[in-house]
Amino acid sequence: MYNITNSVSLTGHLGKDVEINTLENGSVVANVSIATNQFYTNSKGQKVQDVTWHNVEAWNKTAELMGQLLKKGSLVQVQGMLKNNTYKSKEGSVRNYTKIRVSNFKALTKNEEALPF
């Protein structure tokens, strides 16, 4: 039988500073968005940049480290799993969204060298 896993790895730039929240039970959660870029040439021969934004969350020690080491514009590689969630909009409709739950990360830009976004 195959060992099938939910695994994702992304490399991109942070679109904002990491938001850290401490929950009532003491758990720490970090939320941030990461932009990844794809470049291609369209049918007119023009180079096109396609930016995709990914919502990312980390918990506890990983969250704390992301908050300390990363800031807007930082280049980072994250590894984790896709997490599908739902919520009800103000209008009452059910909405779906996907986050990446980070298990580990690597800062590829030193904190003081983070690029302006």
PDB file of N, CA and C in Angstrom:
ATOM      1  N   MET A   1       0.844  -1.185   0.000  1.00  0.00           N
ATOM      2  CA  MET A   1       0.000   0.000   0.000  1.00  0.00           C
ATOM      3  C   MET A   1       0.887   1.245   0.000  1.00  0.00           C
ATOM      4  N   TYR A   2       0.430   2.297  -0.642  1.00  0.00           N
ATOM      5  CA  TYR A   2       1.169   3.548  -0.734  1.00  0.00           C
ATOM      6  C   TYR A   2       0.987   4.391   0.514  1.00  0.00           C
ATOM      7  N   ASN A   3       2.045   5.087   0.880  1.00  0.00           N
ATOM      8  CA  ASN A   3       1.963   6.053   1.969  1.00  0.00           C
ATOM      9  C   ASN A   3       1.679   7.416   1.336  1.00  0.00           C
ATOM     10  N   ILE A   4       0.440   7.856   1.363  1.00  0.00           N
ATOM     11  CA  ILE A   4       0.023   9.106   0.730  1.00  0.00           C
ATOM     12  C   ILE A   4      -0.053  10.178   1.799  1.00  0.00           C
ATOM     13  N   THR A   5       0.636  11.309   1.544  1.00  0.00           N
ATOM     14  CA  THR A   5       0.670  12.377   2.538  1.00  0.00           C
ATOM     15  C   THR A   5       0.205  13.696   1.948  1.00  0.00           C
ATOM     16  N   ASN A   6      -0.197  14.582   2.817  1.00  0.00           N
ATOM     17  CA  ASN A   6      -0.561  15.948   2.475  1.00  0.00           C
ATOM     18  C   ASN A   6       0.661  16.793   2.777  1.00  0.00           C
ATOM     19  N   SER A   7       1.403  17.165   1.752  1.00  0.00           N
ATOM     20  CA  SER A   7       2.662  17.878   1.959  1.00  0.00           C
ATOM     21  C   SER A   7       2.807  18.969   0.908  1.00  0.00           C
ATOM     22  N   VAL A   8       3.277  20.142   1.358  1.00  0.00           N
ATOM     23  CA  VAL A   8       3.480  21.258   0.444  1.00  0.00           C
ATOM     24  C   VAL A   8       4.753  21.996   0.844  1.00  0.00           C
ATOM     25  N   SER A   9       5.446  22.524  -0.165  1.00  0.00           N
ATOM     26  CA  SER A   9       6.639  23.330   0.059  1.00  0.00           C
ATOM     27  C   SER A   9       6.550  24.540  -0.862  1.00  0.00           C
ATOM     28  N   LEU A  10       6.725  25.739  -0.292  1.00  0.00           N
ATOM     29  CA  LEU A  10       6.658  26.979  -1.059  1.00  0.00           C
ATOM     30  C   LEU A  10       7.840  27.860  -0.735  1.00  0.00           C
ATOM     31  N   THR A  11       8.292  28.591  -1.733  1.00  0.00           N
ATOM     32  CA  THR A  11       9.301  29.619  -1.523  1.00  0.00           C
ATOM     33  C   THR A  11       8.734  30.914  -2.072  1.00  0.00           C
ATOM     34  N   GLY A  12       8.704  31.944  -1.237  1.00  0.00           N
ATOM     35  CA  GLY A  12       8.159  33.219  -1.668  1.00  0.00           C
ATOM     36  C   GLY A  12       8.489  34.331  -0.692  1.00  0.00           C
ATOM     37  N   HIS A  13       7.929  35.507  -0.969  1.00  0.00           N
ATOM     38  CA  HIS A  13       8.145  36.683  -0.121  1.00  0.00           C
ATOM     39  C   HIS A  13       6.915  36.961   0.727  1.00  0.00           C
ATOM     40  N   LEU A  14       7.153  37.382   1.972  1.00  0.00           N
ATOM     41  CA  LEU A  14       6.061  37.753   2.853  1.00  0.00           C
ATOM     42  C   LEU A  14       5.445  39.072   2.393  1.00  0.00           C
ATOM     43  N   GLY A  15       4.119  39.109   2.338  1.00  0.00           N
ATOM     44  CA  GLY A  15       3.411  40.306   1.914  1.00  0.00           C
ATOM     45  C   GLY A  15       3.160  41.279   3.039  1.00  0.00           C
ATOM     46  N   LYS A  16       3.373  40.855   4.273  1.00  0.00           N
ATOM     47  CA  LYS A  16       3.186  41.709   5.440  1.00  0.00           C
ATOM     48  C   LYS A  16       3.983  41.113   6.589  1.00  0.00           C
ATOM     49  N   ASP A  17       4.092  41.865   7.667  1.00  0.00           N
ATOM     50  CA  ASP A  17       4.740  41.324   8.858  1.00  0.00           C
ATOM     51  C   ASP A  17       3.903  40.175   9.419  1.00  0.00           C
ATOM     52  N   VAL A  18       4.551  39.264  10.099  1.00  0.00           N
ATOM     53  CA  VAL A  18       3.874  38.124  10.711  1.00  0.00           C
ATOM     54  C   VAL A  18       2.982  38.628  11.850  1.00  0.00           C
ATOM     55  N   GLU A  19       1.719  38.204  11.846  1.00  0.00           N
ATOM     56  CA  GLU A  19       0.789  38.551  12.922  1.00  0.00           C
ATOM     57  C   GLU A  19       0.793  37.427  13.950  1.00  0.00           C
ATOM     58  N   ILE A  20       1.138  37.760  15.188  1.00  0.00           N
ATOM     59  CA  ILE A  20       1.205  36.773  16.269  1.00  0.00           C
ATOM     60  C   ILE A  20       0.043  37.006  17.229  1.00  0.00           C
ATOM     61  N   ASN A  21      -0.658  35.932  17.568  1.00  0.00           N
ATOM     62  CA  ASN A  21      -1.739  36.000  18.548  1.00  0.00           C
ATOM     63  C   ASN A  21      -1.565  34.883  19.563  1.00  0.00           C
ATOM     64  N   THR A  22      -1.803  35.211  20.827  1.00  0.00           N
ATOM     65  CA  THR A  22      -1.781  34.208  21.888  1.00  0.00           C
ATOM     66  C   THR A  22      -3.221  33.919  22.286  1.00  0.00           C
ATOM     67  N   LEU A  23      -3.617  32.658  22.219  1.00  0.00           N
ATOM     68  CA  LEU A  23      -4.977  32.261  22.548  1.00  0.00           C
ATOM     69  C   LEU A  23      -5.151  32.111  24.050  1.00  0.00           C
ATOM     70  N   GLU A  24      -6.397  32.035  24.497  1.00  0.00           N
ATOM     71  CA  GLU A  24      -6.695  31.913  25.931  1.00  0.00           C
ATOM     72  C   GLU A  24      -6.035  30.697  26.560  1.00  0.00           C
ATOM     73  N   ASN A  25      -5.878  29.614  25.783  1.00  0.00           N
ATOM     74  CA  ASN A  25      -5.271  28.395  26.327  1.00  0.00           C
ATOM     75  C   ASN A  25      -3.742  28.439  26.325  1.00  0.00           C
ATOM     76  N   GLY A  26      -3.168  29.586  25.886  1.00  0.00           N
ATOM     77  CA  GLY A  26      -1.718  29.739  25.878  1.00  0.00           C
ATOM     78  C   GLY A  26      -1.042  29.398  24.563  1.00  0.00           C
ATOM     79  N   SER A  27      -1.777  28.809  23.632  1.00  0.00           N
ATOM     80  CA  SER A  27      -1.203  28.496  22.321  1.00  0.00           C
ATOM     81  C   SER A  27      -0.916  29.783  21.563  1.00  0.00           C
ATOM     82  N   VAL A  28       0.145  29.744  20.766  1.00  0.00           N
ATOM     83  CA  VAL A  28       0.533  30.899  19.952  1.00  0.00           C
ATOM     84  C   VAL A  28       0.312  30.539  18.490  1.00  0.00           C
ATOM     85  N   VAL A  29      -0.326  31.445  17.753  1.00  0.00           N
ATOM     86  CA  VAL A  29      -0.566  31.228  16.330  1.00  0.00           C
ATOM     87  C   VAL A  29      -0.038  32.429  15.547  1.00  0.00           C
ATOM     88  N   ALA A  30       0.620  32.138  14.432  1.00  0.00           N
ATOM     89  CA  ALA A  30       1.126  33.178  13.537  1.00  0.00           C
ATOM     90  C   ALA A  30       0.388  33.066  12.213  1.00  0.00           C
ATOM     91  N   ASN A  31       0.020  34.215  11.652  1.00  0.00           N
ATOM     92  CA  ASN A  31      -0.614  34.263  10.341  1.00  0.00           C
ATOM     93  C   ASN A  31       0.125  35.252   9.470  1.00  0.00           C
ATOM     94  N   VAL A  32       0.303  34.879   8.199  1.00  0.00           N
ATOM     95  CA  VAL A  32       0.985  35.742   7.245  1.00  0.00           C
ATOM     96  C   VAL A  32       0.610  35.272   5.838  1.00  0.00           C
ATOM     97  N   SER A  33       0.830  36.112   4.857  1.00  0.00           N
ATOM     98  CA  SER A  33       0.614  35.716   3.468  1.00  0.00           C
ATOM     99  C   SER A  33       1.953  35.709   2.738  1.00  0.00           C
ATOM    100  N   ILE A  34       2.101  34.735   1.835  1.00  0.00           N
ATOM    101  CA  ILE A  34       3.324  34.583   1.063  1.00  0.00           C
ATOM    102  C   ILE A  34       2.973  34.662  -0.421  1.00  0.00           C
ATOM    103  N   ALA A  35       3.752  35.439  -1.160  1.00  0.00           N
ATOM    104  CA  ALA A  35       3.560  35.563  -2.603  1.00  0.00           C
ATOM    105  C   ALA A  35       4.569  34.683  -3.334  1.00  0.00           C
ATOM    106  N   THR A  36       4.061  33.879  -4.264  1.00  0.00           N
ATOM    107  CA  THR A  36       4.931  33.115  -5.157  1.00  0.00           C
ATOM    108  C   THR A  36       4.733  33.650  -6.569  1.00  0.00           C
ATOM    109  N   ASN A  37       5.764  33.547  -7.386  1.00  0.00           N
ATOM    110  CA  ASN A  37       5.735  34.095  -8.739  1.00  0.00           C
ATOM    111  C   ASN A  37       5.981  33.011  -9.773  1.00  0.00           C
ATOM    112  N   GLN A  38       5.239  33.078 -10.855  1.00  0.00           N
ATOM    113  CA  GLN A  38       5.464  32.258 -12.035  1.00  0.00           C
ATOM    114  C   GLN A  38       5.637  33.218 -13.208  1.00  0.00           C
ATOM    115  N   PHE A  39       6.610  32.969 -14.044  1.00  0.00           N
ATOM    116  CA  PHE A  39       6.829  33.782 -15.232  1.00  0.00           C
ATOM    117  C   PHE A  39       6.615  32.926 -16.465  1.00  0.00           C
ATOM    118  N   TYR A  40       5.955  33.496 -17.462  1.00  0.00           N
ATOM    119  CA  TYR A  40       5.766  32.803 -18.724  1.00  0.00           C
ATOM    120  C   TYR A  40       5.667  33.823 -19.844  1.00  0.00           C
ATOM    121  N   THR A  41       5.789  33.351 -21.056  1.00  0.00           N
ATOM    122  CA  THR A  41       5.651  34.198 -22.234  1.00  0.00           C
ATOM    123  C   THR A  41       4.292  33.911 -22.861  1.00  0.00           C
ATOM    124  N   ASN A  42       3.483  34.962 -23.042  1.00  0.00           N
ATOM    125  CA  ASN A  42       2.150  34.760 -23.608  1.00  0.00           C
ATOM    126  C   ASN A  42       2.212  34.630 -25.127  1.00  0.00           C
ATOM    127  N   SER A  43       1.060  34.474 -25.745  1.00  0.00           N
ATOM    128  CA  SER A  43       1.000  34.243 -27.192  1.00  0.00           C
ATOM    129  C   SER A  43       1.495  35.436 -28.007  1.00  0.00           C
ATOM    130  N   LYS A  44       1.569  36.617 -27.392  1.00  0.00           N
ATOM    131  CA  LYS A  44       2.075  37.814 -28.074  1.00  0.00           C
ATOM    132  C   LYS A  44       3.579  37.997 -27.866  1.00  0.00           C
ATOM    133  N   GLY A  45       4.207  37.027 -27.182  1.00  0.00           N
ATOM    134  CA  GLY A  45       5.643  37.095 -26.945  1.00  0.00           C
ATOM    135  C   GLY A  45       6.030  37.973 -25.764  1.00  0.00           C
ATOM    136  N   GLN A  46       5.051  38.400 -24.972  1.00  0.00           N
ATOM    137  CA  GLN A  46       5.317  39.254 -23.814  1.00  0.00           C
ATOM    138  C   GLN A  46       5.556  38.390 -22.579  1.00  0.00           C
ATOM    139  N   LYS A  47       6.532  38.810 -21.774  1.00  0.00           N
ATOM    140  CA  LYS A  47       6.801  38.109 -20.522  1.00  0.00           C
ATOM    141  C   LYS A  47       5.741  38.535 -19.496  1.00  0.00           C
ATOM    142  N   VAL A  48       5.112  37.567 -18.858  1.00  0.00           N
ATOM    143  CA  VAL A  48       4.035  37.821 -17.910  1.00  0.00           C
ATOM    144  C   VAL A  48       4.421  37.253 -16.550  1.00  0.00           C
ATOM    145  N   GLN A  49       4.163  38.045 -15.509  1.00  0.00           N
ATOM    146  CA  GLN A  49       4.387  37.581 -14.139  1.00  0.00           C
ATOM    147  C   GLN A  49       3.036  37.258 -13.519  1.00  0.00           C
ATOM    148  N   ASP A  50       2.890  36.055 -13.016  1.00  0.00           N
ATOM    149  CA  ASP A  50       1.662  35.610 -12.376  1.00  0.00           C
ATOM    150  C   ASP A  50       1.950  35.408 -10.889  1.00  0.00           C
ATOM    151  N   VAL A  51       1.393  36.275 -10.045  1.00  0.00           N
ATOM    152  CA  VAL A  51       1.616  36.209  -8.603  1.00  0.00           C
ATOM    153  C   VAL A  51       0.451  35.472  -7.948  1.00  0.00           C
ATOM    154  N   THR A  52       0.761  34.518  -7.089  1.00  0.00           N
ATOM    155  CA  THR A  52      -0.248  33.803  -6.318  1.00  0.00           C
ATOM    156  C   THR A  52       0.016  34.044  -4.837  1.00  0.00           C
ATOM    157  N   TRP A  53      -1.040  34.401  -4.106  1.00  0.00           N
ATOM    158  CA  TRP A  53      -0.924  34.636  -2.657  1.00  0.00           C
ATOM    159  C   TRP A  53      -1.403  33.409  -1.903  1.00  0.00           C
ATOM    160  N   HIS A  54      -0.654  33.050  -0.866  1.00  0.00           N
ATOM    161  CA  HIS A  54      -0.960  31.876  -0.048  1.00  0.00           C
ATOM    162  C   HIS A  54      -1.088  32.312   1.416  1.00  0.00           C
ATOM    163  N   ASN A  55      -2.183  31.890   2.053  1.00  0.00           N
ATOM    164  CA  ASN A  55      -2.345  32.143   3.484  1.00  0.00           C
ATOM    165  C   ASN A  55      -1.615  31.061   4.256  1.00  0.00           C
ATOM    166  N   VAL A  56      -0.841  31.498   5.244  1.00  0.00           N
ATOM    167  CA  VAL A  56       0.025  30.590   5.993  1.00  0.00           C
ATOM    168  C   VAL A  56      -0.235  30.775   7.483  1.00  0.00           C
ATOM    169  N   GLU A  57      -0.256  29.655   8.220  1.00  0.00           N
ATOM    170  CA  GLU A  57      -0.353  29.726   9.673  1.00  0.00           C
ATOM    171  C   GLU A  57       0.665  28.787  10.294  1.00  0.00           C
ATOM    172  N   ALA A  58       1.171  29.186  11.446  1.00  0.00           N
ATOM    173  CA  ALA A  58       2.111  28.357  12.203  1.00  0.00           C
ATOM    174  C   ALA A  58       1.691  28.408  13.668  1.00  0.00           C
ATOM    175  N   TRP A  59       2.089  27.408  14.416  1.00  0.00           N
ATOM    176  CA  TRP A  59       1.662  27.312  15.810  1.00  0.00           C
ATOM    177  C   TRP A  59       2.860  27.208  16.753  1.00  0.00           C
ATOM    178  N   ASN A  60       2.663  27.760  17.936  1.00  0.00           N
ATOM    179  CA  ASN A  60       3.556  27.654  19.080  1.00  0.00           C
ATOM    180  C   ASN A  60       4.993  28.063  18.771  1.00  0.00           C
ATOM    181  N   LYS A  61       5.986  27.211  18.976  1.00  0.00           N
ATOM    182  CA  LYS A  61       7.382  27.621  18.826  1.00  0.00           C
ATOM    183  C   LYS A  61       7.684  28.066  17.387  1.00  0.00           C
ATOM    184  N   THR A  62       7.133  27.361  16.417  1.00  0.00           N
ATOM    185  CA  THR A  62       7.338  27.756  15.020  1.00  0.00           C
ATOM    186  C   THR A  62       6.759  29.144  14.779  1.00  0.00           C
ATOM    187  N   ALA A  63       5.593  29.412  15.336  1.00  0.00           N
ATOM    188  CA  ALA A  63       4.965  30.734  15.206  1.00  0.00           C
ATOM    189  C   ALA A  63       5.845  31.814  15.830  1.00  0.00           C
ATOM    190  N   GLU A  64       6.349  31.552  17.022  1.00  0.00           N
ATOM    191  CA  GLU A  64       7.197  32.534  17.709  1.00  0.00           C
ATOM    192  C   GLU A  64       8.461  32.826  16.903  1.00  0.00           C
ATOM    193  N   LEU A  65       9.092  31.777  16.369  1.00  0.00           N
ATOM    194  CA  LEU A  65      10.307  31.961  15.577  1.00  0.00           C
ATOM    195  C   LEU A  65      10.036  32.734  14.288  1.00  0.00           C
ATOM    196  N   MET A  66       8.915  32.446  13.631  1.00  0.00           N
ATOM    197  CA  MET A  66       8.572  33.195  12.425  1.00  0.00           C
ATOM    198  C   MET A  66       8.399  34.678  12.752  1.00  0.00           C
ATOM    199  N   GLY A  67       7.755  34.973  13.875  1.00  0.00           N
ATOM    200  CA  GLY A  67       7.559  36.359  14.285  1.00  0.00           C
ATOM    201  C   GLY A  67       8.868  37.074  14.574  1.00  0.00           C
ATOM    202  N   GLN A  68       9.845  36.350  15.102  1.00  0.00           N
ATOM    203  CA  GLN A  68      11.143  36.943  15.445  1.00  0.00           C
ATOM    204  C   GLN A  68      12.043  37.118  14.229  1.00  0.00           C
ATOM    205  N   LEU A  69      11.993  36.177  13.284  1.00  0.00           N
ATOM    206  CA  LEU A  69      12.968  36.138  12.205  1.00  0.00           C
ATOM    207  C   LEU A  69      12.501  36.733  10.878  1.00  0.00           C
ATOM    208  N   LEU A  70      11.195  36.892  10.704  1.00  0.00           N
ATOM    209  CA  LEU A  70      10.673  37.313   9.413  1.00  0.00           C
ATOM    210  C   LEU A  70       9.935  38.641   9.511  1.00  0.00           C
ATOM    211  N   LYS A  71       9.965  39.389   8.408  1.00  0.00           N
ATOM    212  CA  LYS A  71       9.172  40.614   8.309  1.00  0.00           C
ATOM    213  C   LYS A  71       8.752  40.786   6.855  1.00  0.00           C
ATOM    214  N   LYS A  72       7.911  41.762   6.616  1.00  0.00           N
ATOM    215  CA  LYS A  72       7.414  42.026   5.266  1.00  0.00           C
ATOM    216  C   LYS A  72       8.568  42.060   4.269  1.00  0.00           C
ATOM    217  N   GLY A  73       8.410  41.316   3.185  1.00  0.00           N
ATOM    218  CA  GLY A  73       9.434  41.274   2.152  1.00  0.00           C
ATOM    219  C   GLY A  73      10.439  40.157   2.304  1.00  0.00           C
ATOM    220  N   SER A  74      10.492  39.509   3.473  1.00  0.00           N
ATOM    221  CA  SER A  74      11.447  38.416   3.685  1.00  0.00           C
ATOM    222  C   SER A  74      11.201  37.286   2.692  1.00  0.00           C
ATOM    223  N   LEU A  75      12.283  36.726   2.186  1.00  0.00           N
ATOM    224  CA  LEU A  75      12.197  35.533   1.352  1.00  0.00           C
ATOM    225  C   LEU A  75      12.258  34.332   2.282  1.00  0.00           C
ATOM    226  N   VAL A  76      11.288  33.434   2.152  1.00  0.00           N
ATOM    227  CA  VAL A  76      11.175  32.315   3.076  1.00  0.00           C
ATOM    228  C   VAL A  76      10.744  31.062   2.324  1.00  0.00           C
ATOM    229  N   GLN A  77      11.195  29.930   2.817  1.00  0.00           N
ATOM    230  CA  GLN A  77      10.715  28.640   2.332  1.00  0.00           C
ATOM    231  C   GLN A  77       9.937  28.001   3.467  1.00  0.00           C
ATOM    232  N   VAL A  78       8.704  27.607   3.206  1.00  0.00           N
ATOM    233  CA  VAL A  78       7.890  26.946   4.225  1.00  0.00           C
ATOM    234  C   VAL A  78       7.546  25.540   3.760  1.00  0.00           C
ATOM    235  N   GLN A  79       7.439  24.651   4.727  1.00  0.00           N
ATOM    236  CA  GLN A  79       6.985  23.291   4.474  1.00  0.00           C
ATOM    237  C   GLN A  79       5.879  22.987   5.456  1.00  0.00           C
ATOM    238  N   GLY A  80       4.884  22.278   4.981  1.00  0.00           N
ATOM    239  CA  GLY A  80       3.773  21.946   5.855  1.00  0.00           C
ATOM    240  C   GLY A  80       2.717  21.164   5.103  1.00  0.00           C
ATOM    241  N   MET A  81       1.463  21.414   5.486  1.00  0.00           N
ATOM    242  CA  MET A  81       0.346  20.699   4.872  1.00  0.00           C
ATOM    243  C   MET A  81      -0.769  21.673   4.541  1.00  0.00           C
ATOM    244  N   LEU A  82      -1.588  21.307   3.567  1.00  0.00           N
ATOM    245  CA  LEU A  82      -2.754  22.106   3.221  1.00  0.00           C
ATOM    246  C   LEU A  82      -3.864  21.831   4.212  1.00  0.00           C
ATOM    247  N   LYS A  83      -4.520  22.891   4.640  1.00  0.00           N
ATOM    248  CA  LYS A  83      -5.616  22.775   5.599  1.00  0.00           C
ATOM    249  C   LYS A  83      -6.815  23.509   5.014  1.00  0.00           C
ATOM    250  N   ASN A  84      -7.888  22.792   4.732  1.00  0.00           N
ATOM    251  CA  ASN A  84      -9.108  23.386   4.194  1.00  0.00           C
ATOM    252  C   ASN A  84     -10.034  23.789   5.328  1.00  0.00           C
ATOM    253  N   ASN A  85     -10.592  24.988   5.235  1.00  0.00           N
ATOM    254  CA  ASN A  85     -11.476  25.513   6.265  1.00  0.00           C
ATOM    255  C   ASN A  85     -12.718  26.122   5.620  1.00  0.00           C
ATOM    256  N   THR A  86     -13.760  26.296   6.417  1.00  0.00           N
ATOM    257  CA  THR A  86     -14.981  26.951   5.955  1.00  0.00           C
ATOM    258  C   THR A  86     -15.409  27.977   6.993  1.00  0.00           C
ATOM    259  N   TYR A  87     -16.158  28.959   6.531  1.00  0.00           N
ATOM    260  CA  TYR A  87     -16.770  29.935   7.433  1.00  0.00           C
ATOM    261  C   TYR A  87     -18.039  30.445   6.784  1.00  0.00           C
ATOM    262  N   LYS A  88     -18.895  31.073   7.595  1.00  0.00           N
ATOM    263  CA  LYS A  88     -20.121  31.667   7.085  1.00  0.00           C
ATOM    264  C   LYS A  88     -19.900  33.156   6.890  1.00  0.00           C
ATOM    265  N   SER A  89     -20.251  33.641   5.708  1.00  0.00           N
ATOM    266  CA  SER A  89     -20.112  35.062   5.417  1.00  0.00           C
ATOM    267  C   SER A  89     -21.226  35.839   6.134  1.00  0.00           C
ATOM    268  N   LYS A  90     -21.114  37.150   6.121  1.00  0.00           N
ATOM    269  CA  LYS A  90     -22.151  37.994   6.732  1.00  0.00           C
ATOM    270  C   LYS A  90     -23.506  37.760   6.084  1.00  0.00           C
ATOM    271  N   GLU A  91     -23.468  37.394   4.798  1.00  0.00           N
ATOM    272  CA  GLU A  91     -24.712  37.128   4.062  1.00  0.00           C
ATOM    273  C   GLU A  91     -25.266  35.737   4.345  1.00  0.00           C
ATOM    274  N   GLY A  92     -24.514  34.907   5.075  1.00  0.00           N
ATOM    275  CA  GLY A  92     -24.978  33.574   5.436  1.00  0.00           C
ATOM    276  C   GLY A  92     -24.508  32.457   4.522  1.00  0.00           C
ATOM    277  N   SER A  93     -23.761  32.773   3.480  1.00  0.00           N
ATOM    278  CA  SER A  93     -23.285  31.715   2.593  1.00  0.00           C
ATOM    279  C   SER A  93     -22.003  31.097   3.166  1.00  0.00           C
ATOM    280  N   VAL A  94     -21.808  29.838   2.856  1.00  0.00           N
ATOM    281  CA  VAL A  94     -20.633  29.122   3.332  1.00  0.00           C
ATOM    282  C   VAL A  94     -19.486  29.350   2.350  1.00  0.00           C
ATOM    283  N   ARG A  95     -18.341  29.759   2.867  1.00  0.00           N
ATOM    284  CA  ARG A  95     -17.154  30.020   2.050  1.00  0.00           C
ATOM    285  C   ARG A  95     -16.059  29.033   2.437  1.00  0.00           C
ATOM    286  N   ASN A  96     -15.284  28.628   1.449  1.00  0.00           N
ATOM    287  CA  ASN A  96     -14.159  27.721   1.665  1.00  0.00           C
ATOM    288  C   ASN A  96     -12.853  28.467   1.413  1.00  0.00           C
ATOM    289  N   TYR A  97     -11.825  28.122   2.164  1.00  0.00           N
ATOM    290  CA  TYR A  97     -10.498  28.674   1.922  1.00  0.00           C
ATOM    291  C   TYR A  97      -9.449  27.662   2.382  1.00  0.00           C
ATOM    292  N   THR A  98      -8.270  27.812   1.833  1.00  0.00           N
ATOM    293  CA  THR A  98      -7.178  26.892   2.137  1.00  0.00           C
ATOM    294  C   THR A  98      -6.024  27.660   2.747  1.00  0.00           C
ATOM    295  N   LYS A  99      -5.444  27.108   3.802  1.00  0.00           N
ATOM    296  CA  LYS A  99      -4.244  27.652   4.431  1.00  0.00           C
ATOM    297  C   LYS A  99      -3.155  26.604   4.365  1.00  0.00           C
ATOM    298  N   ILE A 100      -1.938  27.072   4.499  1.00  0.00           N
ATOM    299  CA  ILE A 100      -0.811  26.163   4.650  1.00  0.00           C
ATOM    300  C   ILE A 100      -0.429  26.182   6.124  1.00  0.00           C
ATOM    301  N   ARG A 101      -0.506  25.034   6.763  1.00  0.00           N
ATOM    302  CA  ARG A 101      -0.095  24.912   8.160  1.00  0.00           C
ATOM    303  C   ARG A 101       1.378  24.527   8.168  1.00  0.00           C
ATOM    304  N   VAL A 102       2.209  25.453   8.629  1.00  0.00           N
ATOM    305  CA  VAL A 102       3.662  25.298   8.562  1.00  0.00           C
ATOM    306  C   VAL A 102       4.161  24.343   9.641  1.00  0.00           C
ATOM    307  N   SER A 103       4.976  23.393   9.222  1.00  0.00           N
ATOM    308  CA  SER A 103       5.644  22.516  10.189  1.00  0.00           C
ATOM    309  C   SER A 103       7.085  22.969  10.408  1.00  0.00           C
ATOM    310  N   ASN A 104       7.703  23.540   9.357  1.00  0.00           N
ATOM    311  CA  ASN A 104       9.030  24.143   9.502  1.00  0.00           C
ATOM    312  C   ASN A 104       9.237  25.163   8.390  1.00  0.00           C
ATOM    313  N   PHE A 105      10.213  26.030   8.603  1.00  0.00           N
ATOM    314  CA  PHE A 105      10.495  27.069   7.631  1.00  0.00           C
ATOM    315  C   PHE A 105      11.976  27.396   7.648  1.00  0.00           C
ATOM    316  N   LYS A 106      12.403  28.056   6.590  1.00  0.00           N
ATOM    317  CA  LYS A 106      13.784  28.507   6.498  1.00  0.00           C
ATOM    318  C   LYS A 106      13.781  29.930   5.966  1.00  0.00           C
ATOM    319  N   ALA A 107      14.361  30.855   6.741  1.00  0.00           N
ATOM    320  CA  ALA A 107      14.496  32.234   6.294  1.00  0.00           C
ATOM    321  C   ALA A 107      15.620  32.285   5.272  1.00  0.00           C
ATOM    322  N   LEU A 108      15.324  32.755   4.074  1.00  0.00           N
ATOM    323  CA  LEU A 108      16.321  32.832   3.011  1.00  0.00           C
ATOM    324  C   LEU A 108      16.884  34.239   2.873  1.00  0.00           C
ATOM    325  N   THR A 109      16.292  35.193   3.585  1.00  0.00           N
ATOM    326  CA  THR A 109      16.772  36.566   3.644  1.00  0.00           C
ATOM    327  C   THR A 109      16.983  36.891   5.109  1.00  0.00           C
ATOM    328  N   LYS A 110      18.132  37.464   5.444  1.00  0.00           N
ATOM    329  CA  LYS A 110      18.351  37.891   6.823  1.00  0.00           C
ATOM    330  C   LYS A 110      17.331  38.975   7.161  1.00  0.00           C
ATOM    331  N   ASN A 111      16.881  38.996   8.407  1.00  0.00           N
ATOM    332  CA  ASN A 111      15.833  39.920   8.840  1.00  0.00           C
ATOM    333  C   ASN A 111      16.140  41.358   8.446  1.00  0.00           C
ATOM    334  N   GLU A 112      17.355  41.813   8.667  1.00  0.00           N
ATOM    335  CA  GLU A 112      17.709  43.206   8.364  1.00  0.00           C
ATOM    336  C   GLU A 112      17.815  43.462   6.862  1.00  0.00           C
ATOM    337  N   GLU A 113      17.797  42.389   6.050  1.00  0.00           N
ATOM    338  CA  GLU A 113      17.916  42.557   4.613  1.00  0.00           C
ATOM    339  C   GLU A 113      16.581  42.348   3.898  1.00  0.00           C
ATOM    340  N   ALA A 114      15.473  42.266   4.627  1.00  0.00           N
ATOM    341  CA  ALA A 114      14.187  42.024   3.990  1.00  0.00           C
ATOM    342  C   ALA A 114      13.920  43.115   2.953  1.00  0.00           C
ATOM    343  N   LEU A 115      13.394  42.675   1.855  1.00  0.00           N
ATOM    344  CA  LEU A 115      13.174  43.585   0.729  1.00  0.00           C
ATOM    345  C   LEU A 115      11.876  44.360   0.906  1.00  0.00           C
ATOM    346  N   PRO A 116      11.835  45.607   0.451  1.00  0.00           N
ATOM    347  CA  PRO A 116      10.545  46.302   0.458  1.00  0.00           C
ATOM    348  C   PRO A 116       9.637  45.625  -0.544  1.00  0.00           C
ATOM    349  N   PHE A 117       8.394  45.434  -0.214  1.00  0.00           N
ATOM    350  CA  PHE A 117       7.484  44.681  -1.077  1.00  0.00           C
ATOM    351  C   PHE A 117       6.738  45.568  -2.008  1.00  0.00           C
TER     352      PHE A 117
END
